[in-house]
Amino acid sequence: MNSISVLQWFNEHGIWIPGFYLSKSQCHTLWKSQTNESINGNRPENYAHKDLSMIKGMADYIEPYMQKNYSILELGSNCGVNLNLLSSHGYSNLNGIEINQFAIEEMRKSFPLLKANIANISLENSLKRIPDGSYDLVFSMAVLIHIHPCSNFIFNEIARISNKYLCIVEGENFNCKYIFPRNYKRVFESRGYEQIKCIEKMPDANYTLRLFKKLHKKRYLKNDTDFPLIP
């Protein structure tokens, strides 16, 4: 077992390694504070002009399973660039959750015609308020890698609020002080989903796409991923 596999196991089981990773509160502060003046490469305006290969690839891969009127929720929508691409593909029921107010302001500036409902709140505080099966598709793109192991309950909520599909596009082998590697096939198949498509490497990026279909209407969890650990 290599080091990334060990870290995946720790993160999937809610085990935080203090000193090796940032705390949950430090992670929240980091992502809330990113502005167009930030120096670490996470400026909202940079996302607004990012290469679209990955989101175009995702849109192509999910199209056979989707209808244009499906309700879609993006986890961590940043400046709305992914939702804007989906809008251009004819999807109209678009929603997002974004912790960074500066990113939402950039969305209004960069994509003024985008019609999407965006909640400015953390995933921890928002998902638990959403009724069961509220969205036909819930997706993430390079966001769940930042979910702290102490917030693993988020994966239960993601599984609960989707009515049909999950599309997870994440760097499963990435690792740094604010990136937490996981194997999302294990994460969501343990919560009542079947993986129906997997692209190990997305176009022009070392990200894995996994498309899941919901098998169970009721909540289906593994106890060993639900540890209430240090906040």
Protein backbone atom coordinates (compact mmCIF):
# COMPACT_ATOMS: atom_id res chain seq x y z
CA MET A 1 0.00 0.00 0.00
CA ASN A 2 1.51 3.34 -1.06
CA SER A 3 1.38 6.58 0.93
CA ILE A 4 -1.53 8.06 -1.03
CA SER A 5 -3.59 4.91 -0.42
CA VAL A 6 -2.93 5.25 3.31
CA LEU A 7 -3.94 8.91 3.29
CA GLN A 8 -7.09 8.06 1.30
CA TRP A 9 -8.01 5.50 3.96
CA PHE A 10 -7.44 7.99 6.78
CA ASN A 11 -9.47 10.72 5.08
CA GLU A 12 -12.32 8.38 4.12
CA HIS A 13 -12.54 7.26 7.75
CA GLY A 14 -12.54 10.76 9.16
CA ILE A 15 -9.06 10.64 10.66
CA TRP A 16 -7.43 14.06 10.74
CA ILE A 17 -3.63 14.31 11.04
CA PRO A 18 -2.94 17.61 12.88
CA GLY A 19 0.16 19.40 11.66
CA PHE A 20 0.14 17.45 8.39
CA TYR A 21 -3.16 19.03 7.28
CA LEU A 22 -4.83 22.33 8.10
CA SER A 23 -7.70 22.27 10.59
CA LYS A 24 -11.27 22.58 9.34
CA SER A 25 -11.51 26.20 10.50
CA GLN A 26 -8.23 27.03 8.75
CA CYS A 27 -9.54 25.48 5.53
CA HIS A 28 -12.74 27.54 5.75
CA THR A 29 -10.75 30.72 6.34
CA LEU A 30 -8.52 29.95 3.37
CA TRP A 31 -11.38 29.51 0.91
CA LYS A 32 -13.52 32.34 2.24
CA SER A 33 -10.68 34.81 1.87
CA GLN A 34 -9.69 34.25 -1.78
CA THR A 35 -10.02 37.53 -3.73
CA ASN A 36 -8.75 38.83 -7.05
CA GLU A 37 -5.74 40.14 -5.14
CA SER A 38 -4.79 36.77 -3.65
CA ILE A 39 -1.29 35.56 -4.45
CA ASN A 40 -1.74 31.79 -4.28
CA GLY A 41 -3.38 31.26 -7.68
CA ASN A 42 -6.98 30.83 -6.46
CA ARG A 43 -8.33 34.18 -7.63
CA PRO A 44 -12.00 34.08 -8.71
CA GLU A 45 -11.16 35.99 -11.90
CA ASN A 46 -8.69 33.24 -12.81
CA TYR A 47 -11.43 30.64 -12.53
CA ALA A 48 -13.69 32.81 -14.70
CA HIS A 49 -11.13 32.50 -17.52
CA LYS A 50 -9.97 28.94 -16.88
CA ASP A 51 -9.53 26.30 -19.55
CA LEU A 52 -12.93 24.73 -20.21
CA SER A 53 -11.74 21.30 -21.34
CA MET A 54 -12.67 19.56 -18.11
CA ILE A 55 -16.20 20.95 -17.76
CA LYS A 56 -16.83 20.41 -21.48
CA GLY A 57 -15.69 16.83 -21.05
CA MET A 58 -17.99 16.36 -18.08
CA ALA A 59 -20.94 17.81 -20.00
CA ASP A 60 -20.30 15.38 -22.86
CA TYR A 61 -19.98 12.37 -20.54
CA ILE A 62 -23.20 13.05 -18.62
CA GLU A 63 -25.35 14.08 -21.59
CA PRO A 64 -26.74 10.58 -22.37
CA TYR A 65 -28.17 10.42 -18.84
CA MET A 66 -29.53 13.94 -18.59
CA GLN A 67 -32.60 15.93 -19.59
CA LYS A 68 -32.38 19.68 -20.10
CA ASN A 69 -34.93 20.38 -17.35
CA TYR A 70 -33.13 18.34 -14.70
CA SER A 71 -32.34 20.19 -11.50
CA ILE A 72 -28.58 20.52 -11.07
CA LEU A 73 -26.58 21.49 -7.99
CA GLU A 74 -22.87 22.31 -8.10
CA LEU A 75 -20.94 21.94 -4.87
CA GLY A 76 -18.46 24.80 -4.67
CA SER A 77 -19.55 26.79 -7.73
CA ASN A 78 -16.90 29.52 -7.33
CA CYS A 79 -17.48 32.21 -10.00
CA GLY A 80 -20.04 30.10 -11.89
CA VAL A 81 -17.88 29.18 -14.87
CA ASN A 82 -19.00 25.52 -14.83
CA LEU A 83 -22.67 26.43 -14.47
CA ASN A 84 -22.31 28.95 -17.28
CA LEU A 85 -21.01 26.21 -19.58
CA LEU A 86 -23.93 23.96 -18.65
CA SER A 87 -26.29 26.86 -19.32
CA SER A 88 -24.83 27.19 -22.82
CA HIS A 89 -25.63 23.49 -23.30
CA GLY A 90 -29.31 24.18 -22.61
CA TYR A 91 -29.62 23.27 -18.91
CA SER A 92 -31.82 25.79 -17.13
CA ASN A 93 -32.41 24.61 -13.55
CA LEU A 94 -28.97 25.50 -12.21
CA ASN A 95 -27.97 25.92 -8.58
CA GLY A 96 -24.76 26.26 -6.62
CA ILE A 97 -23.30 26.48 -3.14
CA GLU A 98 -20.24 28.68 -2.67
CA ILE A 99 -18.45 29.69 0.55
CA ASN A 100 -16.65 32.67 -0.99
CA GLN A 101 -18.62 35.91 -1.42
CA PHE A 102 -15.89 37.36 -3.64
CA ALA A 103 -16.35 34.48 -6.08
CA ILE A 104 -20.08 35.16 -6.28
CA GLU A 105 -19.37 38.83 -6.99
CA GLU A 106 -17.04 37.74 -9.79
CA MET A 107 -19.82 35.53 -11.19
CA ARG A 108 -22.12 38.55 -11.47
CA LYS A 109 -19.35 40.46 -13.24
CA SER A 110 -18.09 37.73 -15.59
CA PHE A 111 -21.38 35.97 -16.36
CA PRO A 112 -24.14 38.58 -15.98
CA LEU A 113 -26.59 36.58 -18.09
CA LEU A 114 -26.20 33.38 -16.08
CA LYS A 115 -29.43 32.40 -14.37
CA ALA A 116 -28.46 30.29 -11.39
CA ASN A 117 -29.43 30.20 -7.74
CA ILE A 118 -26.27 30.48 -5.63
CA ALA A 119 -26.16 30.14 -1.84
CA ASN A 120 -23.25 31.87 -0.11
CA ILE A 121 -22.65 29.36 2.68
CA SER A 122 -20.39 26.43 3.56
CA LEU A 123 -21.31 22.92 2.50
CA GLU A 124 -21.33 21.89 6.17
CA ASN A 125 -24.06 24.41 6.98
CA SER A 126 -26.07 24.19 3.78
CA LEU A 127 -26.46 20.55 2.78
CA LYS A 128 -28.18 19.40 5.96
CA ARG A 129 -30.98 21.92 5.29
CA ILE A 130 -31.81 20.54 1.84
CA PRO A 131 -34.70 18.03 1.63
CA ASP A 132 -34.12 14.47 0.45
CA GLY A 133 -33.86 13.98 -3.32
CA SER A 134 -33.98 17.68 -4.17
CA TYR A 135 -31.73 17.51 -7.24
CA ASP A 136 -31.54 15.21 -10.24
CA LEU A 137 -27.77 15.75 -10.50
CA VAL A 138 -25.31 16.86 -7.85
CA PHE A 139 -21.78 17.46 -9.08
CA SER A 140 -18.40 18.70 -7.93
CA MET A 141 -15.23 19.66 -9.75
CA ALA A 142 -12.03 19.96 -7.72
CA VAL A 143 -13.99 20.82 -4.56
CA LEU A 144 -14.45 17.64 -2.52
CA ILE A 145 -10.66 17.34 -2.35
CA HIS A 146 -10.87 20.27 0.08
CA ILE A 147 -13.45 18.69 2.40
CA HIS A 148 -11.83 18.20 5.79
CA PRO A 149 -11.96 14.66 7.27
CA CYS A 150 -13.82 16.12 10.26
CA SER A 151 -16.63 17.03 7.85
CA ASN A 152 -17.15 13.57 6.37
CA PHE A 153 -20.86 13.78 7.19
CA ILE A 154 -21.04 15.94 4.05
CA PHE A 155 -20.84 12.79 1.91
CA ASN A 156 -23.92 11.39 3.65
CA GLU A 157 -25.78 14.60 2.83
CA ILE A 158 -24.65 14.61 -0.80
CA ALA A 159 -25.92 11.05 -1.18
CA ARG A 160 -29.21 12.01 0.45
CA ILE A 161 -30.07 15.14 -1.55
CA SER A 162 -29.50 13.63 -5.01
CA ASN A 163 -32.50 12.00 -6.59
CA LYS A 164 -30.77 10.35 -9.55
CA TYR A 165 -27.08 11.02 -10.24
CA LEU A 166 -23.81 12.21 -8.77
CA CYS A 167 -20.91 13.32 -10.95
CA ILE A 168 -17.65 13.64 -9.05
CA VAL A 169 -14.60 15.12 -10.83
CA GLU A 170 -11.73 15.21 -8.37
CA GLY A 171 -7.98 14.73 -8.11
CA GLU A 172 -8.04 11.55 -6.07
CA ASN A 173 -4.26 11.31 -5.73
CA PHE A 174 -3.56 14.97 -5.01
CA ASN A 175 -2.27 15.85 -1.57
CA CYS A 176 -1.16 18.96 0.32
CA LYS A 177 -2.01 20.72 3.58
CA TYR A 178 -5.50 21.65 2.32
CA ILE A 179 -6.13 18.79 -0.14
CA PHE A 180 -7.46 15.49 1.21
CA PRO A 181 -7.21 12.53 -1.22
CA ARG A 182 -10.05 9.99 -1.31
CA ASN A 183 -11.30 7.21 -3.58
CA TYR A 184 -14.80 8.40 -4.45
CA LYS A 185 -15.91 5.04 -5.77
CA ARG A 186 -15.61 3.72 -2.22
CA VAL A 187 -17.10 6.88 -0.73
CA PHE A 188 -20.35 6.80 -2.70
CA GLU A 189 -20.83 3.11 -3.38
CA SER A 190 -20.91 2.72 0.41
CA ARG A 191 -23.79 5.20 0.43
CA GLY A 192 -26.20 3.49 -1.97
CA TYR A 193 -24.83 4.48 -5.39
CA GLU A 194 -23.56 2.49 -8.35
CA GLN A 195 -20.70 3.81 -10.45
CA ILE A 196 -21.85 3.72 -14.07
CA LYS A 197 -18.97 5.60 -15.71
CA CYS A 198 -15.36 6.26 -14.82
CA ILE A 199 -12.78 8.31 -16.73
CA GLU A 200 -9.44 7.87 -14.99
CA LYS A 201 -7.93 10.97 -16.55
CA MET A 202 -10.01 13.87 -17.80
CA PRO A 203 -8.94 15.81 -20.92
CA ASP A 204 -5.82 17.88 -20.21
CA ALA A 205 -6.04 17.29 -16.46
CA ASN A 206 -5.12 14.58 -13.98
CA TYR A 207 -8.63 14.38 -12.55
CA THR A 208 -10.88 11.34 -12.28
CA LEU A 209 -14.53 11.55 -13.35
CA ARG A 210 -16.96 9.19 -11.67
CA LEU A 211 -20.65 9.17 -12.56
CA PHE A 212 -22.93 7.43 -10.05
CA LYS A 213 -26.56 6.38 -10.21
CA LYS A 214 -28.65 6.25 -7.05
CA LEU A 215 -29.81 2.77 -6.11
CA HIS A 216 -31.65 3.49 -2.88
CA LYS A 217 -34.20 6.15 -2.06
CA LYS A 218 -33.54 5.81 1.64
CA ARG A 219 -30.33 6.78 3.39
CA TYR A 220 -27.67 4.08 3.20
CA LEU A 221 -24.51 4.68 5.21
CA LYS A 222 -21.43 2.94 6.50
CA ASN A 223 -20.86 3.61 10.18
CA ASP A 224 -17.08 3.62 9.89
CA THR A 225 -17.13 6.85 7.87
CA ASP A 226 -19.30 8.81 10.29
CA PHE A 227 -16.92 9.53 13.14
CA PRO A 228 -17.69 12.81 14.98
CA LEU A 229 -14.13 14.04 15.30
CA ILE A 230 -12.40 17.29 16.22
CA PRO A 231 -14.20 20.29 14.60
